[in-house]
Amino acid sequence: CNKNTKGSSSQSLLGTWELRASQSSMLP
C-alpha cells in the first residue's frame, strides 16, 4: 500500500472528464 501525500498532478481527477464508454449489468 502506498499513500500519495504530495498531491501529484498526474493522478489528479481535477478538471473536466467526458464519458467515453458505458456498460450496464450483462449488456455489452
mmCIF file of all heavy atoms, coordinates in Angstrom:
data_MODEL
# 
_entry.id   MODEL 
# 
loop_
_atom_site.group_PDB 
_atom_site.id 
_atom_site.type_symbol 
_atom_site.label_atom_id 
_atom_site.label_alt_id 
_atom_site.label_comp_id 
_atom_site.label_asym_id 
_atom_site.label_entity_id 
_atom_site.label_seq_id 
_atom_site.pdbx_PDB_ins_code 
_atom_site.Cartn_x 
_atom_site.Cartn_y 
_atom_site.Cartn_z 
_atom_site.occupancy 
_atom_site.B_iso_or_equiv 
_atom_site.pdbx_formal_charge 
_atom_site.auth_seq_id 
_atom_site.auth_comp_id 
_atom_site.auth_asym_id 
_atom_site.auth_atom_id 
_atom_site.pdbx_PDB_model_num 
ATOM 1   N N   . CYS A 1 1  ? 0.843   -1.191  0.000   1.00 0.00 ? 1  CYS A N   1 
ATOM 2   C CA  . CYS A 1 1  ? 0.000   0.000   0.000   1.00 0.00 ? 1  CYS A CA  1 
ATOM 3   C C   . CYS A 1 1  ? 0.878   1.241   0.000   1.00 0.00 ? 1  CYS A C   1 
ATOM 4   O O   . CYS A 1 1  ? 1.902   1.287   0.668   1.00 0.00 ? 1  CYS A O   1 
ATOM 5   C CB  . CYS A 1 1  ? -0.910  0.023   1.224   1.00 0.00 ? 1  CYS A CB  1 
ATOM 6   S SG  . CYS A 1 1  ? -2.056  -1.351  1.266   1.00 0.00 ? 1  CYS A SG  1 
ATOM 7   N N   . ASN A 1 2  ? 0.449   2.259   -0.749  1.00 0.00 ? 2  ASN A N   1 
ATOM 8   C CA  . ASN A 1 2  ? 1.220   3.486   -0.834  1.00 0.00 ? 2  ASN A CA  1 
ATOM 9   C C   . ASN A 1 2  ? 0.257   4.651   -0.913  1.00 0.00 ? 2  ASN A C   1 
ATOM 10  O O   . ASN A 1 2  ? -0.558  4.729   -1.823  1.00 0.00 ? 2  ASN A O   1 
ATOM 11  C CB  . ASN A 1 2  ? 2.118   3.454   -2.076  1.00 0.00 ? 2  ASN A CB  1 
ATOM 12  C CG  . ASN A 1 2  ? 3.014   4.662   -2.158  1.00 0.00 ? 2  ASN A CG  1 
ATOM 13  O OD1 . ASN A 1 2  ? 3.109   5.432   -1.213  1.00 0.00 ? 2  ASN A OD1 1 
ATOM 14  N ND2 . ASN A 1 2  ? 3.664   4.835   -3.283  1.00 0.00 ? 2  ASN A ND2 1 
ATOM 15  N N   . LYS A 1 3  ? 0.355   5.581   0.037   1.00 0.00 ? 3  LYS A N   1 
ATOM 16  C CA  . LYS A 1 3  ? -0.491  6.762   0.035   1.00 0.00 ? 3  LYS A CA  1 
ATOM 17  C C   . LYS A 1 3  ? 0.307   7.925   -0.512  1.00 0.00 ? 3  LYS A C   1 
ATOM 18  O O   . LYS A 1 3  ? 1.369   8.255   -0.013  1.00 0.00 ? 3  LYS A O   1 
ATOM 19  C CB  . LYS A 1 3  ? -0.976  7.077   1.446   1.00 0.00 ? 3  LYS A CB  1 
ATOM 20  C CG  . LYS A 1 3  ? -1.900  8.258   1.506   1.00 0.00 ? 3  LYS A CG  1 
ATOM 21  C CD  . LYS A 1 3  ? -2.416  8.482   2.892   1.00 0.00 ? 3  LYS A CD  1 
ATOM 22  C CE  . LYS A 1 3  ? -3.350  9.676   2.901   1.00 0.00 ? 3  LYS A CE  1 
ATOM 23  N NZ  . LYS A 1 3  ? -3.834  9.955   4.237   1.00 0.00 ? 3  LYS A NZ  1 
ATOM 24  N N   . ASN A 1 4  ? -0.215  8.547   -1.557  1.00 0.00 ? 4  ASN A N   1 
ATOM 25  C CA  . ASN A 1 4  ? 0.456   9.674   -2.176  1.00 0.00 ? 4  ASN A CA  1 
ATOM 26  C C   . ASN A 1 4  ? 0.053   10.938  -1.428  1.00 0.00 ? 4  ASN A C   1 
ATOM 27  O O   . ASN A 1 4  ? -1.060  11.414  -1.561  1.00 0.00 ? 4  ASN A O   1 
ATOM 28  C CB  . ASN A 1 4  ? 0.069   9.768   -3.650  1.00 0.00 ? 4  ASN A CB  1 
ATOM 29  C CG  . ASN A 1 4  ? 0.813   10.872  -4.355  1.00 0.00 ? 4  ASN A CG  1 
ATOM 30  O OD1 . ASN A 1 4  ? 1.658   11.526  -3.768  1.00 0.00 ? 4  ASN A OD1 1 
ATOM 31  N ND2 . ASN A 1 4  ? 0.488   11.072  -5.609  1.00 0.00 ? 4  ASN A ND2 1 
ATOM 32  N N   . THR A 1 5  ? 0.958   11.514  -0.647  1.00 0.00 ? 5  THR A N   1 
ATOM 33  C CA  . THR A 1 5  ? 0.653   12.703  0.141   1.00 0.00 ? 5  THR A CA  1 
ATOM 34  C C   . THR A 1 5  ? 1.185   13.974  -0.499  1.00 0.00 ? 5  THR A C   1 
ATOM 35  O O   . THR A 1 5  ? 0.965   15.050  0.009   1.00 0.00 ? 5  THR A O   1 
ATOM 36  C CB  . THR A 1 5  ? 1.253   12.571  1.552   1.00 0.00 ? 5  THR A CB  1 
ATOM 37  O OG1 . THR A 1 5  ? 2.666   12.382  1.436   1.00 0.00 ? 5  THR A OG1 1 
ATOM 38  C CG2 . THR A 1 5  ? 0.631   11.419  2.298   1.00 0.00 ? 5  THR A CG2 1 
ATOM 39  N N   . LYS A 1 6  ? 1.870   13.879  -1.621  1.00 0.00 ? 6  LYS A N   1 
ATOM 40  C CA  . LYS A 1 6  ? 2.446   15.061  -2.251  1.00 0.00 ? 6  LYS A CA  1 
ATOM 41  C C   . LYS A 1 6  ? 1.509   15.698  -3.260  1.00 0.00 ? 6  LYS A C   1 
ATOM 42  O O   . LYS A 1 6  ? 1.819   16.723  -3.831  1.00 0.00 ? 6  LYS A O   1 
ATOM 43  C CB  . LYS A 1 6  ? 3.777   14.701  -2.920  1.00 0.00 ? 6  LYS A CB  1 
ATOM 44  C CG  . LYS A 1 6  ? 4.803   14.247  -1.914  1.00 0.00 ? 6  LYS A CG  1 
ATOM 45  C CD  . LYS A 1 6  ? 6.129   13.994  -2.542  1.00 0.00 ? 6  LYS A CD  1 
ATOM 46  C CE  . LYS A 1 6  ? 7.046   13.451  -1.443  1.00 0.00 ? 6  LYS A CE  1 
ATOM 47  N NZ  . LYS A 1 6  ? 8.407   13.578  -1.711  1.00 0.00 ? 6  LYS A NZ  1 
ATOM 48  N N   . GLY A 1 7  ? 0.356   15.106  -3.529  1.00 0.00 ? 7  GLY A N   1 
ATOM 49  C CA  . GLY A 1 7  ? -0.615  15.685  -4.441  1.00 0.00 ? 7  GLY A CA  1 
ATOM 50  C C   . GLY A 1 7  ? -0.145  15.722  -5.880  1.00 0.00 ? 7  GLY A C   1 
ATOM 51  O O   . GLY A 1 7  ? -0.245  16.728  -6.553  1.00 0.00 ? 7  GLY A O   1 
ATOM 52  N N   . SER A 1 8  ? 0.366   14.630  -6.357  1.00 0.00 ? 8  SER A N   1 
ATOM 53  C CA  . SER A 1 8  ? 0.867   14.556  -7.722  1.00 0.00 ? 8  SER A CA  1 
ATOM 54  C C   . SER A 1 8  ? -0.242  14.872  -8.718  1.00 0.00 ? 8  SER A C   1 
ATOM 55  O O   . SER A 1 8  ? -1.327  14.316  -8.653  1.00 0.00 ? 8  SER A O   1 
ATOM 56  C CB  . SER A 1 8  ? 1.429   13.156  -7.979  1.00 0.00 ? 8  SER A CB  1 
ATOM 57  O OG  . SER A 1 8  ? 1.752   13.009  -9.333  1.00 0.00 ? 8  SER A OG  1 
ATOM 58  N N   . SER A 1 9  ? 0.031   15.793  -9.643  1.00 0.00 ? 9  SER A N   1 
ATOM 59  C CA  . SER A 1 9  ? -0.987  16.187  -10.603 1.00 0.00 ? 9  SER A CA  1 
ATOM 60  C C   . SER A 1 9  ? -1.241  15.108  -11.653 1.00 0.00 ? 9  SER A C   1 
ATOM 61  O O   . SER A 1 9  ? -2.255  15.131  -12.326 1.00 0.00 ? 9  SER A O   1 
ATOM 62  C CB  . SER A 1 9  ? -0.581  17.489  -11.288 1.00 0.00 ? 9  SER A CB  1 
ATOM 63  O OG  . SER A 1 9  ? 0.609   17.289  -12.020 1.00 0.00 ? 9  SER A OG  1 
ATOM 64  N N   . SER A 1 10 ? -0.329  14.157  -11.815 1.00 0.00 ? 10 SER A N   1 
ATOM 65  C CA  . SER A 1 10 ? -0.535  13.107  -12.811 1.00 0.00 ? 10 SER A CA  1 
ATOM 66  C C   . SER A 1 10 ? -1.630  12.131  -12.389 1.00 0.00 ? 10 SER A C   1 
ATOM 67  O O   . SER A 1 10 ? -2.152  11.409  -13.215 1.00 0.00 ? 10 SER A O   1 
ATOM 68  C CB  . SER A 1 10 ? 0.773   12.356  -13.068 1.00 0.00 ? 10 SER A CB  1 
ATOM 69  O OG  . SER A 1 10 ? 1.170   11.667  -11.908 1.00 0.00 ? 10 SER A OG  1 
ATOM 70  N N   . GLN A 1 11 ? -1.980  12.108  -11.099 1.00 0.00 ? 11 GLN A N   1 
ATOM 71  C CA  . GLN A 1 11 ? -3.015  11.207  -10.621 1.00 0.00 ? 11 GLN A CA  1 
ATOM 72  C C   . GLN A 1 11 ? -4.236  11.977  -10.133 1.00 0.00 ? 11 GLN A C   1 
ATOM 73  O O   . GLN A 1 11 ? -5.057  11.447  -9.423  1.00 0.00 ? 11 GLN A O   1 
ATOM 74  C CB  . GLN A 1 11 ? -2.466  10.338  -9.497  1.00 0.00 ? 11 GLN A CB  1 
ATOM 75  C CG  . GLN A 1 11 ? -1.376  9.415   -9.951  1.00 0.00 ? 11 GLN A CG  1 
ATOM 76  C CD  . GLN A 1 11 ? -0.846  8.563   -8.819  1.00 0.00 ? 11 GLN A CD  1 
ATOM 77  O OE1 . GLN A 1 11 ? -1.249  8.704   -7.673  1.00 0.00 ? 11 GLN A OE1 1 
ATOM 78  N NE2 . GLN A 1 11 ? 0.063   7.673   -9.121  1.00 0.00 ? 11 GLN A NE2 1 
ATOM 79  N N   . SER A 1 12 ? -4.376  13.217  -10.515 1.00 0.00 ? 12 SER A N   1 
ATOM 80  C CA  . SER A 1 12 ? -5.454  14.058  -10.053 1.00 0.00 ? 12 SER A CA  1 
ATOM 81  C C   . SER A 1 12 ? -6.696  13.898  -10.930 1.00 0.00 ? 12 SER A C   1 
ATOM 82  O O   . SER A 1 12 ? -6.602  13.701  -12.131 1.00 0.00 ? 12 SER A O   1 
ATOM 83  C CB  . SER A 1 12 ? -4.997  15.513  -10.072 1.00 0.00 ? 12 SER A CB  1 
ATOM 84  O OG  . SER A 1 12 ? -6.055  16.361  -9.712  1.00 0.00 ? 12 SER A OG  1 
ATOM 85  N N   . LEU A 1 13 ? -7.864  14.008  -10.321 1.00 0.00 ? 13 LEU A N   1 
ATOM 86  C CA  . LEU A 1 13 ? -9.123  13.952  -11.055 1.00 0.00 ? 13 LEU A CA  1 
ATOM 87  C C   . LEU A 1 13 ? -9.637  15.341  -11.396 1.00 0.00 ? 13 LEU A C   1 
ATOM 88  O O   . LEU A 1 13 ? -10.675 15.472  -12.032 1.00 0.00 ? 13 LEU A O   1 
ATOM 89  C CB  . LEU A 1 13 ? -10.182 13.232  -10.219 1.00 0.00 ? 13 LEU A CB  1 
ATOM 90  C CG  . LEU A 1 13 ? -10.052 11.727  -10.109 1.00 0.00 ? 13 LEU A CG  1 
ATOM 91  C CD1 . LEU A 1 13 ? -11.132 11.174  -9.189  1.00 0.00 ? 13 LEU A CD1 1 
ATOM 92  C CD2 . LEU A 1 13 ? -10.149 11.073  -11.458 1.00 0.00 ? 13 LEU A CD2 1 
ATOM 93  N N   . LEU A 1 14 ? -8.938  16.383  -10.980 1.00 0.00 ? 14 LEU A N   1 
ATOM 94  C CA  . LEU A 1 14 ? -9.399  17.737  -11.220 1.00 0.00 ? 14 LEU A CA  1 
ATOM 95  C C   . LEU A 1 14 ? -9.495  18.020  -12.712 1.00 0.00 ? 14 LEU A C   1 
ATOM 96  O O   . LEU A 1 14 ? -8.659  17.591  -13.491 1.00 0.00 ? 14 LEU A O   1 
ATOM 97  C CB  . LEU A 1 14 ? -8.452  18.747  -10.565 1.00 0.00 ? 14 LEU A CB  1 
ATOM 98  C CG  . LEU A 1 14 ? -8.348  18.687  -9.047  1.00 0.00 ? 14 LEU A CG  1 
ATOM 99  C CD1 . LEU A 1 14 ? -7.355  19.716  -8.550  1.00 0.00 ? 14 LEU A CD1 1 
ATOM 100 C CD2 . LEU A 1 14 ? -9.699  18.893  -8.403  1.00 0.00 ? 14 LEU A CD2 1 
ATOM 101 N N   . GLY A 1 15 ? -10.534 18.747  -13.089 1.00 0.00 ? 15 GLY A N   1 
ATOM 102 C CA  . GLY A 1 15 ? -10.727 19.097  -14.491 1.00 0.00 ? 15 GLY A CA  1 
ATOM 103 C C   . GLY A 1 15 ? -12.044 18.547  -15.014 1.00 0.00 ? 15 GLY A C   1 
ATOM 104 O O   . GLY A 1 15 ? -12.906 18.119  -14.265 1.00 0.00 ? 15 GLY A O   1 
ATOM 105 N N   . THR A 1 16 ? -12.203 18.562  -16.317 1.00 0.00 ? 16 THR A N   1 
ATOM 106 C CA  . THR A 1 16 ? -13.424 18.095  -16.972 1.00 0.00 ? 16 THR A CA  1 
ATOM 107 C C   . THR A 1 16 ? -13.157 16.767  -17.666 1.00 0.00 ? 16 THR A C   1 
ATOM 108 O O   . THR A 1 16 ? -12.183 16.621  -18.390 1.00 0.00 ? 16 THR A O   1 
ATOM 109 C CB  . THR A 1 16 ? -13.921 19.133  -17.994 1.00 0.00 ? 16 THR A CB  1 
ATOM 110 O OG1 . THR A 1 16 ? -14.157 20.360  -17.304 1.00 0.00 ? 16 THR A OG1 1 
ATOM 111 C CG2 . THR A 1 16 ? -15.208 18.678  -18.649 1.00 0.00 ? 16 THR A CG2 1 
ATOM 112 N N   . TRP A 1 17 ? -14.048 15.819  -17.418 1.00 0.00 ? 17 TRP A N   1 
ATOM 113 C CA  . TRP A 1 17 ? -13.936 14.476  -17.975 1.00 0.00 ? 17 TRP A CA  1 
ATOM 114 C C   . TRP A 1 17 ? -15.199 14.172  -18.769 1.00 0.00 ? 17 TRP A C   1 
ATOM 115 O O   . TRP A 1 17 ? -16.290 14.571  -18.409 1.00 0.00 ? 17 TRP A O   1 
ATOM 116 C CB  . TRP A 1 17 ? -13.784 13.451  -16.854 1.00 0.00 ? 17 TRP A CB  1 
ATOM 117 C CG  . TRP A 1 17 ? -12.530 13.606  -16.079 1.00 0.00 ? 17 TRP A CG  1 
ATOM 118 C CD1 . TRP A 1 17 ? -12.280 14.539  -15.120 1.00 0.00 ? 17 TRP A CD1 1 
ATOM 119 C CD2 . TRP A 1 17 ? -11.352 12.830  -16.195 1.00 0.00 ? 17 TRP A CD2 1 
ATOM 120 N NE1 . TRP A 1 17 ? -11.011 14.371  -14.629 1.00 0.00 ? 17 TRP A NE1 1 
ATOM 121 C CE2 . TRP A 1 17 ? -10.419 13.337  -15.269 1.00 0.00 ? 17 TRP A CE2 1 
ATOM 122 C CE3 . TRP A 1 17 ? -10.990 11.762  -16.994 1.00 0.00 ? 17 TRP A CE3 1 
ATOM 123 C CZ2 . TRP A 1 17 ? -9.159  12.796  -15.139 1.00 0.00 ? 17 TRP A CZ2 1 
ATOM 124 C CZ3 . TRP A 1 17 ? -9.720  11.225  -16.846 1.00 0.00 ? 17 TRP A CZ3 1 
ATOM 125 C CH2 . TRP A 1 17 ? -8.823  11.739  -15.927 1.00 0.00 ? 17 TRP A CH2 1 
ATOM 126 N N   . GLU A 1 18 ? -15.045 13.427  -19.853 1.00 0.00 ? 18 GLU A N   1 
ATOM 127 C CA  . GLU A 1 18 ? -16.177 13.037  -20.686 1.00 0.00 ? 18 GLU A CA  1 
ATOM 128 C C   . GLU A 1 18 ? -16.346 11.523  -20.671 1.00 0.00 ? 18 GLU A C   1 
ATOM 129 O O   . GLU A 1 18 ? -15.372 10.782  -20.776 1.00 0.00 ? 18 GLU A O   1 
ATOM 130 C CB  . GLU A 1 18 ? -15.959 13.504  -22.124 1.00 0.00 ? 18 GLU A CB  1 
ATOM 131 C CG  . GLU A 1 18 ? -17.129 13.205  -23.031 1.00 0.00 ? 18 GLU A CG  1 
ATOM 132 C CD  . GLU A 1 18 ? -16.910 13.737  -24.432 1.00 0.00 ? 18 GLU A CD  1 
ATOM 133 O OE1 . GLU A 1 18 ? -15.777 13.620  -24.938 1.00 0.00 ? 18 GLU A OE1 1 
ATOM 134 O OE2 . GLU A 1 18 ? -17.865 14.258  -24.990 1.00 0.00 ? 18 GLU A OE2 1 
ATOM 135 N N   . LEU A 1 19 ? -17.589 11.074  -20.534 1.00 0.00 ? 19 LEU A N   1 
ATOM 136 C CA  . LEU A 1 19 ? -17.893 9.642   -20.555 1.00 0.00 ? 19 LEU A CA  1 
ATOM 137 C C   . LEU A 1 19 ? -17.628 9.095   -21.948 1.00 0.00 ? 19 LEU A C   1 
ATOM 138 O O   . LEU A 1 19 ? -18.147 9.602   -22.935 1.00 0.00 ? 19 LEU A O   1 
ATOM 139 C CB  . LEU A 1 19 ? -19.355 9.410   -20.164 1.00 0.00 ? 19 LEU A CB  1 
ATOM 140 C CG  . LEU A 1 19 ? -19.820 7.958   -20.111 1.00 0.00 ? 19 LEU A CG  1 
ATOM 141 C CD1 . LEU A 1 19 ? -19.099 7.215   -18.997 1.00 0.00 ? 19 LEU A CD1 1 
ATOM 142 C CD2 . LEU A 1 19 ? -21.311 7.895   -19.920 1.00 0.00 ? 19 LEU A CD2 1 
ATOM 143 N N   . ARG A 1 20 ? -16.802 8.073   -22.044 1.00 0.00 ? 20 ARG A N   1 
ATOM 144 C CA  . ARG A 1 20 ? -16.444 7.506   -23.348 1.00 0.00 ? 20 ARG A CA  1 
ATOM 145 C C   . ARG A 1 20 ? -16.982 6.095   -23.544 1.00 0.00 ? 20 ARG A C   1 
ATOM 146 O O   . ARG A 1 20 ? -17.051 5.606   -24.661 1.00 0.00 ? 20 ARG A O   1 
ATOM 147 C CB  . ARG A 1 20 ? -14.919 7.478   -23.513 1.00 0.00 ? 20 ARG A CB  1 
ATOM 148 C CG  . ARG A 1 20 ? -14.279 8.837   -23.512 1.00 0.00 ? 20 ARG A CG  1 
ATOM 149 C CD  . ARG A 1 20 ? -14.788 9.715   -24.646 1.00 0.00 ? 20 ARG A CD  1 
ATOM 150 N NE  . ARG A 1 20 ? -14.618 9.153   -25.952 1.00 0.00 ? 20 ARG A NE  1 
ATOM 151 C CZ  . ARG A 1 20 ? -13.570 9.307   -26.726 1.00 0.00 ? 20 ARG A CZ  1 
ATOM 152 N NH1 . ARG A 1 20 ? -12.567 10.037  -26.328 1.00 0.00 ? 20 ARG A NH1 1 
ATOM 153 N NH2 . ARG A 1 20 ? -13.525 8.741   -27.907 1.00 0.00 ? 20 ARG A NH2 1 
ATOM 154 N N   . ALA A 1 21 ? -17.342 5.413   -22.447 1.00 0.00 ? 21 ALA A N   1 
ATOM 155 C CA  . ALA A 1 21 ? -17.876 4.054   -22.568 1.00 0.00 ? 21 ALA A CA  1 
ATOM 156 C C   . ALA A 1 21 ? -18.860 3.807   -21.438 1.00 0.00 ? 21 ALA A C   1 
ATOM 157 O O   . ALA A 1 21 ? -18.751 4.380   -20.366 1.00 0.00 ? 21 ALA A O   1 
ATOM 158 C CB  . ALA A 1 21 ? -16.750 3.028   -22.525 1.00 0.00 ? 21 ALA A CB  1 
ATOM 159 N N   . SER A 1 22 ? -19.830 2.960   -21.704 1.00 0.00 ? 22 SER A N   1 
ATOM 160 C CA  . SER A 1 22 ? -20.858 2.644   -20.724 1.00 0.00 ? 22 SER A CA  1 
ATOM 161 C C   . SER A 1 22 ? -21.186 1.159   -20.785 1.00 0.00 ? 22 SER A C   1 
ATOM 162 O O   . SER A 1 22 ? -21.256 0.584   -21.865 1.00 0.00 ? 22 SER A O   1 
ATOM 163 C CB  . SER A 1 22 ? -22.108 3.480   -21.017 1.00 0.00 ? 22 SER A CB  1 
ATOM 164 O OG  . SER A 1 22 ? -23.155 3.119   -20.163 1.00 0.00 ? 22 SER A OG  1 
ATOM 165 N N   . GLN A 1 23 ? -21.387 0.574   -19.604 1.00 0.00 ? 23 GLN A N   1 
ATOM 166 C CA  . GLN A 1 23 ? -21.774 -0.833  -19.544 1.00 0.00 ? 23 GLN A CA  1 
ATOM 167 C C   . GLN A 1 23 ? -22.727 -1.000  -18.380 1.00 0.00 ? 23 GLN A C   1 
ATOM 168 O O   . GLN A 1 23 ? -22.523 -0.463  -17.310 1.00 0.00 ? 23 GLN A O   1 
ATOM 169 C CB  . GLN A 1 23 ? -20.562 -1.731  -19.362 1.00 0.00 ? 23 GLN A CB  1 
ATOM 170 C CG  . GLN A 1 23 ? -20.907 -3.193  -19.397 1.00 0.00 ? 23 GLN A CG  1 
ATOM 171 C CD  . GLN A 1 23 ? -19.676 -4.081  -19.349 1.00 0.00 ? 23 GLN A CD  1 
ATOM 172 O OE1 . GLN A 1 23 ? -18.585 -3.625  -19.086 1.00 0.00 ? 23 GLN A OE1 1 
ATOM 173 N NE2 . GLN A 1 23 ? -19.863 -5.341  -19.615 1.00 0.00 ? 23 GLN A NE2 1 
ATOM 174 N N   . SER A 1 24 ? -23.794 -1.749  -18.592 1.00 0.00 ? 24 SER A N   1 
ATOM 175 C CA  . SER A 1 24 ? -24.788 -1.963  -17.564 1.00 0.00 ? 24 SER A CA  1 
ATOM 176 C C   . SER A 1 24 ? -25.071 -3.449  -17.443 1.00 0.00 ? 24 SER A C   1 
ATOM 177 O O   . SER A 1 24 ? -25.444 -4.091  -18.426 1.00 0.00 ? 24 SER A O   1 
ATOM 178 C CB  . SER A 1 24 ? -26.061 -1.208  -17.921 1.00 0.00 ? 24 SER A CB  1 
ATOM 179 O OG  . SER A 1 24 ? -27.053 -1.453  -16.959 1.00 0.00 ? 24 SER A OG  1 
ATOM 180 N N   . SER A 1 25 ? -24.889 -3.960  -16.253 1.00 0.00 ? 25 SER A N   1 
ATOM 181 C CA  . SER A 1 25 ? -25.182 -5.358  -15.949 1.00 0.00 ? 25 SER A CA  1 
ATOM 182 C C   . SER A 1 25 ? -24.468 -6.284  -16.931 1.00 0.00 ? 25 SER A C   1 
ATOM 183 O O   . SER A 1 25 ? -23.266 -6.222  -17.073 1.00 0.00 ? 25 SER A O   1 
ATOM 184 C CB  . SER A 1 25 ? -26.689 -5.575  -15.945 1.00 0.00 ? 25 SER A CB  1 
ATOM 185 O OG  . SER A 1 25 ? -27.003 -6.876  -15.530 1.00 0.00 ? 25 SER A OG  1 
ATOM 186 N N   . MET A 1 26 ? -25.196 -7.106  -17.641 1.00 0.00 ? 26 MET A N   1 
ATOM 187 C CA  . MET A 1 26 ? -24.580 -8.057  -18.560 1.00 0.00 ? 26 MET A CA  1 
ATOM 188 C C   . MET A 1 26 ? -24.648 -7.594  -20.012 1.00 0.00 ? 26 MET A C   1 
ATOM 189 O O   . MET A 1 26 ? -24.332 -8.343  -20.922 1.00 0.00 ? 26 MET A O   1 
ATOM 190 C CB  . MET A 1 26 ? -25.232 -9.430  -18.399 1.00 0.00 ? 26 MET A CB  1 
ATOM 191 C CG  . MET A 1 26 ? -24.982 -10.020 -17.029 1.00 0.00 ? 26 MET A CG  1 
ATOM 192 S SD  . MET A 1 26 ? -25.583 -11.688 -16.841 1.00 0.00 ? 26 MET A SD  1 
ATOM 193 C CE  . MET A 1 26 ? -24.591 -12.567 -18.007 1.00 0.00 ? 26 MET A CE  1 
ATOM 194 N N   . LEU A 1 27 ? -25.063 -6.343  -20.238 1.00 0.00 ? 27 LEU A N   1 
ATOM 195 C CA  . LEU A 1 27 ? -25.097 -5.809  -21.595 1.00 0.00 ? 27 LEU A CA  1 
ATOM 196 C C   . LEU A 1 27 ? -23.679 -5.531  -22.068 1.00 0.00 ? 27 LEU A C   1 
ATOM 197 O O   . LEU A 1 27 ? -22.788 -5.242  -21.268 1.00 0.00 ? 27 LEU A O   1 
ATOM 198 C CB  . LEU A 1 27 ? -25.924 -4.520  -21.632 1.00 0.00 ? 27 LEU A CB  1 
ATOM 199 C CG  . LEU A 1 27 ? -27.400 -4.683  -21.269 1.00 0.00 ? 27 LEU A CG  1 
ATOM 200 C CD1 . LEU A 1 27 ? -28.077 -3.334  -21.230 1.00 0.00 ? 27 LEU A CD1 1 
ATOM 201 C CD2 . LEU A 1 27 ? -28.092 -5.597  -22.256 1.00 0.00 ? 27 LEU A CD2 1 
ATOM 202 N N   . PRO A 1 28 ? -23.435 -5.578  -23.359 1.00 0.00 ? 28 PRO A N   1 
ATOM 203 C CA  . PRO A 1 28 ? -22.078 -5.328  -23.853 1.00 0.00 ? 28 PRO A CA  1 
ATOM 204 C C   . PRO A 1 28 ? -21.672 -3.863  -23.673 1.00 0.00 ? 28 PRO A C   1 
ATOM 205 O O   . PRO A 1 28 ? -22.514 -2.978  -23.530 1.00 0.00 ? 28 PRO A O   1 
ATOM 206 C CB  . PRO A 1 28 ? -22.154 -5.693  -25.331 1.00 0.00 ? 28 PRO A CB  1 
ATOM 207 C CG  . PRO A 1 28 ? -23.593 -5.631  -25.668 1.00 0.00 ? 28 PRO A CG  1 
ATOM 208 C CD  . PRO A 1 28 ? -24.350 -5.941  -24.419 1.00 0.00 ? 28 PRO A CD  1 
# 
